[in-house]
Amino acid sequence: MGFCWGGEGCGRRTVEFVNGVERIDPSIEIVAVGCDFDPEWNFNMVRVAGEYIDCLPIHTCAFTERWGRAYEEPVAWPVAIEWNLRAIYRTAEAARRRYGAKHWIELAFDEWSVRHPEAQPPLFSQPTRARDAVLAGLVLNALRRLCRAVPVACFAQTVNVLPLILADDEGRVVLTPQ
């Protein structure tokens, strides 16, 4: 559909898209375009397209450049992620209520991961560590607390890229600490 500037423009294009798609399948669920760092984008998306969308997707990658050997950063990331998801949900709810959208809108934390400096294109291979498992466990606990607002959550690039699972050409599989 092309690139949009801002939540309002993206909201208008979403409405156009939904109006076309619902003629073919009125039962379709619509996942809009959310933003994890711009509350105005999410507010305007819901203001313009709130009656048409079911879900706002959010992506977050925990970058580890400053982590060193400490556990403070990986333990802090899940707190920040939970705080951010709560703030995004409150923003969407405020826009929904203010503009009278009766349609319930949930969040989909549909892409989250841990990314180390070693993860470089094209394969984005990286080692995983016990502290990555601590971060993943804490994020999963946060998502359990947020399950009504965030019913969908997916770790990004599950196999071999920013991996949870490593697989080789012979079909052997190795699970990482996460």
Protein backbone atom coordinates (compact mmCIF):
# COMPACT_ATOMS: atom_id res chain seq x y z
CA MET A 1 0.00 0.00 0.00
CA GLY A 2 3.01 2.30 0.23
CA PHE A 3 4.62 4.31 2.97
CA CYS A 4 2.69 6.70 5.21
CA TRP A 5 3.88 9.77 7.01
CA GLY A 6 2.44 9.77 10.51
CA GLY A 7 -0.37 7.94 12.22
CA GLU A 8 -3.09 10.07 10.66
CA GLY A 9 -2.01 9.30 7.09
CA CYS A 10 -1.52 5.66 7.93
CA GLY A 11 -4.94 5.61 9.60
CA ARG A 12 -6.58 6.98 6.43
CA ARG A 13 -4.85 4.35 4.29
CA THR A 14 -5.91 1.67 6.77
CA VAL A 15 -9.54 2.73 6.45
CA GLU A 16 -9.25 2.60 2.63
CA PHE A 17 -7.69 -0.85 2.83
CA VAL A 18 -10.31 -2.19 5.25
CA ASN A 19 -13.17 -0.87 3.14
CA GLY A 20 -11.79 -2.79 0.16
CA VAL A 21 -10.90 -5.99 2.00
CA GLU A 22 -14.14 -6.27 3.99
CA ARG A 23 -16.09 -6.51 0.73
CA ILE A 24 -14.25 -9.79 0.16
CA ASP A 25 -14.17 -11.06 3.76
CA PRO A 26 -16.14 -9.11 6.40
CA SER A 27 -14.82 -11.37 9.19
CA ILE A 28 -11.19 -10.35 8.69
CA GLU A 29 -9.31 -9.04 11.72
CA ILE A 30 -7.27 -5.92 11.07
CA VAL A 31 -3.82 -5.36 12.52
CA ALA A 32 -2.89 -1.71 11.97
CA VAL A 33 0.55 -0.13 12.16
CA GLY A 34 1.57 0.83 15.69
CA CYS A 35 4.67 2.59 16.91
CA ASP A 36 6.61 1.75 20.06
CA PHE A 37 8.19 5.20 20.48
CA ASP A 38 5.67 7.77 19.18
CA PRO A 39 2.47 8.16 21.23
CA GLU A 40 1.10 10.70 18.73
CA TRP A 41 1.30 8.09 15.94
CA ASN A 42 -0.78 5.61 17.96
CA PHE A 43 -3.25 8.28 19.09
CA ASN A 44 -3.84 9.46 15.52
CA MET A 45 -4.05 5.90 14.17
CA VAL A 46 -6.84 5.12 16.65
CA ARG A 47 -8.50 8.52 16.15
CA VAL A 48 -8.75 7.97 12.39
CA ALA A 49 -9.13 4.18 12.13
CA GLY A 50 -10.29 3.09 15.59
CA GLU A 51 -13.59 1.70 14.32
CA TYR A 52 -11.76 -0.39 11.74
CA ILE A 53 -8.84 -1.98 13.56
CA ASP A 54 -8.60 -4.84 16.02
CA CYS A 55 -4.98 -4.59 17.02
CA LEU A 56 -2.00 -2.25 17.16
CA PRO A 57 1.29 -4.12 16.67
CA ILE A 58 4.36 -3.08 18.66
CA HIS A 59 7.98 -4.10 17.99
CA THR A 60 10.83 -3.78 20.48
CA CYS A 61 14.38 -5.05 20.30
CA ALA A 62 16.59 -4.96 23.40
CA PHE A 63 19.99 -3.78 22.16
CA THR A 64 22.89 -4.90 24.32
CA GLU A 65 25.84 -2.65 23.36
CA ARG A 66 26.25 -1.30 26.92
CA TRP A 67 25.55 -4.45 28.89
CA GLY A 68 29.10 -5.60 29.59
CA ARG A 69 29.02 -8.38 32.19
CA ALA A 70 26.37 -6.80 34.38
CA TYR A 71 22.77 -7.91 34.81
CA GLU A 72 21.34 -4.45 35.50
CA GLU A 73 20.50 -3.67 31.86
CA PRO A 74 18.86 -7.00 30.97
CA VAL A 75 16.81 -6.82 34.17
CA ALA A 76 15.80 -3.20 33.43
CA TRP A 77 14.68 -3.84 29.83
CA PRO A 78 11.56 -5.85 30.76
CA VAL A 79 10.50 -3.12 33.20
CA ALA A 80 10.84 -0.54 30.42
CA ILE A 81 9.00 -2.81 27.95
CA GLU A 82 6.08 -3.31 30.36
CA TRP A 83 5.91 0.41 31.13
CA ASN A 84 5.95 1.24 27.41
CA LEU A 85 3.25 -1.31 26.52
CA ARG A 86 1.03 0.05 29.31
CA ALA A 87 1.57 3.62 28.07
CA ILE A 88 0.77 2.65 24.47
CA TYR A 89 -2.40 0.88 25.58
CA ARG A 90 -3.49 3.91 27.66
CA THR A 91 -2.90 6.16 24.64
CA ALA A 92 -4.97 3.91 22.36
CA GLU A 93 -7.75 3.72 24.96
CA ALA A 94 -7.75 7.50 25.44
CA ALA A 95 -8.11 8.06 21.70
CA ARG A 96 -10.78 5.36 21.43
CA ARG A 97 -12.85 6.94 24.21
CA ARG A 98 -12.35 10.54 23.09
CA TYR A 99 -13.44 9.85 19.52
CA GLY A 100 -16.22 7.41 20.36
CA ALA A 101 -14.77 4.28 18.79
CA LYS A 102 -16.80 1.39 20.17
CA HIS A 103 -14.44 -1.21 18.74
CA TRP A 104 -12.09 -2.79 21.32
CA ILE A 105 -8.40 -2.41 20.34
CA GLU A 106 -5.69 -4.70 21.70
CA LEU A 107 -1.93 -4.60 21.34
CA ALA A 108 0.14 -7.28 19.63
CA PHE A 109 3.71 -7.36 20.85
CA ASP A 110 4.37 -9.21 17.65
CA GLU A 111 8.10 -8.77 17.41
CA TRP A 112 10.45 -8.69 20.38
CA SER A 113 13.99 -9.94 20.79
CA VAL A 114 17.46 -9.39 22.18
CA ARG A 115 20.12 -8.13 19.81
CA HIS A 116 23.84 -8.20 20.52
CA PRO A 117 26.50 -6.20 18.62
CA GLU A 118 27.68 -9.44 16.98
CA ALA A 119 24.35 -9.74 15.11
CA GLN A 120 25.31 -8.34 11.72
CA PRO A 121 23.70 -8.74 8.30
CA PRO A 122 23.03 -10.88 6.43
CA LEU A 123 22.59 -13.75 8.94
CA PHE A 124 22.35 -11.81 12.23
CA SER A 125 24.06 -14.66 14.10
CA GLN A 126 24.80 -14.00 17.74
CA PRO A 127 25.66 -15.89 20.88
CA THR A 128 22.96 -16.16 23.49
CA ARG A 129 23.70 -16.03 27.17
CA ALA A 130 22.05 -16.85 30.47
CA ARG A 131 21.22 -13.18 30.98
CA ASP A 132 19.24 -13.30 27.71
CA ALA A 133 17.16 -16.04 29.32
CA VAL A 134 16.67 -13.83 32.40
CA LEU A 135 15.46 -11.00 30.17
CA ALA A 136 13.13 -13.34 28.22
CA GLY A 137 11.68 -14.77 31.44
CA LEU A 138 11.03 -11.30 32.84
CA VAL A 139 9.40 -10.17 29.58
CA LEU A 140 7.17 -13.25 29.65
CA ASN A 141 6.15 -12.42 33.23
CA ALA A 142 5.34 -8.85 32.17
CA LEU A 143 3.27 -10.17 29.26
CA ARG A 144 1.34 -12.41 31.62
CA ARG A 145 0.45 -9.33 33.67
CA LEU A 146 -0.60 -7.53 30.47
CA CYS A 147 -2.50 -10.43 28.88
CA ARG A 148 -5.82 -8.57 28.58
CA ALA A 149 -4.28 -5.61 26.78
CA VAL A 150 -1.58 -7.62 24.95
CA PRO A 151 -3.03 -11.02 24.02
CA VAL A 152 -0.45 -11.67 21.26
CA ALA A 153 3.32 -11.73 21.73
CA CYS A 154 5.92 -13.27 19.44
CA PHE A 155 9.66 -13.53 19.75
CA ALA A 156 11.21 -12.24 16.53
CA GLN A 157 13.30 -14.44 14.26
CA THR A 158 12.98 -17.64 16.24
CA VAL A 159 15.35 -19.96 14.32
CA ASN A 160 19.02 -19.10 13.56
CA VAL A 161 18.51 -15.31 13.34
CA LEU A 162 18.65 -13.64 16.78
CA PRO A 163 17.92 -17.20 17.79
CA LEU A 164 15.92 -19.05 20.35
CA ILE A 165 16.70 -22.22 18.37
CA LEU A 166 19.82 -23.04 16.37
CA ALA A 167 19.55 -25.53 13.51
CA ASP A 168 22.29 -26.80 11.21
CA ASP A 169 22.18 -28.15 7.67
CA GLU A 170 22.05 -31.73 8.94
CA GLY A 171 18.83 -31.10 10.84
CA ARG A 172 20.33 -30.99 14.32
CA VAL A 173 18.71 -28.54 16.71
CA VAL A 174 20.20 -26.79 19.73
CA LEU A 175 18.08 -24.79 22.14
CA THR A 176 19.59 -21.58 23.52
CA PRO A 177 19.30 -20.41 27.15
CA GLN A 178 16.26 -18.36 26.20
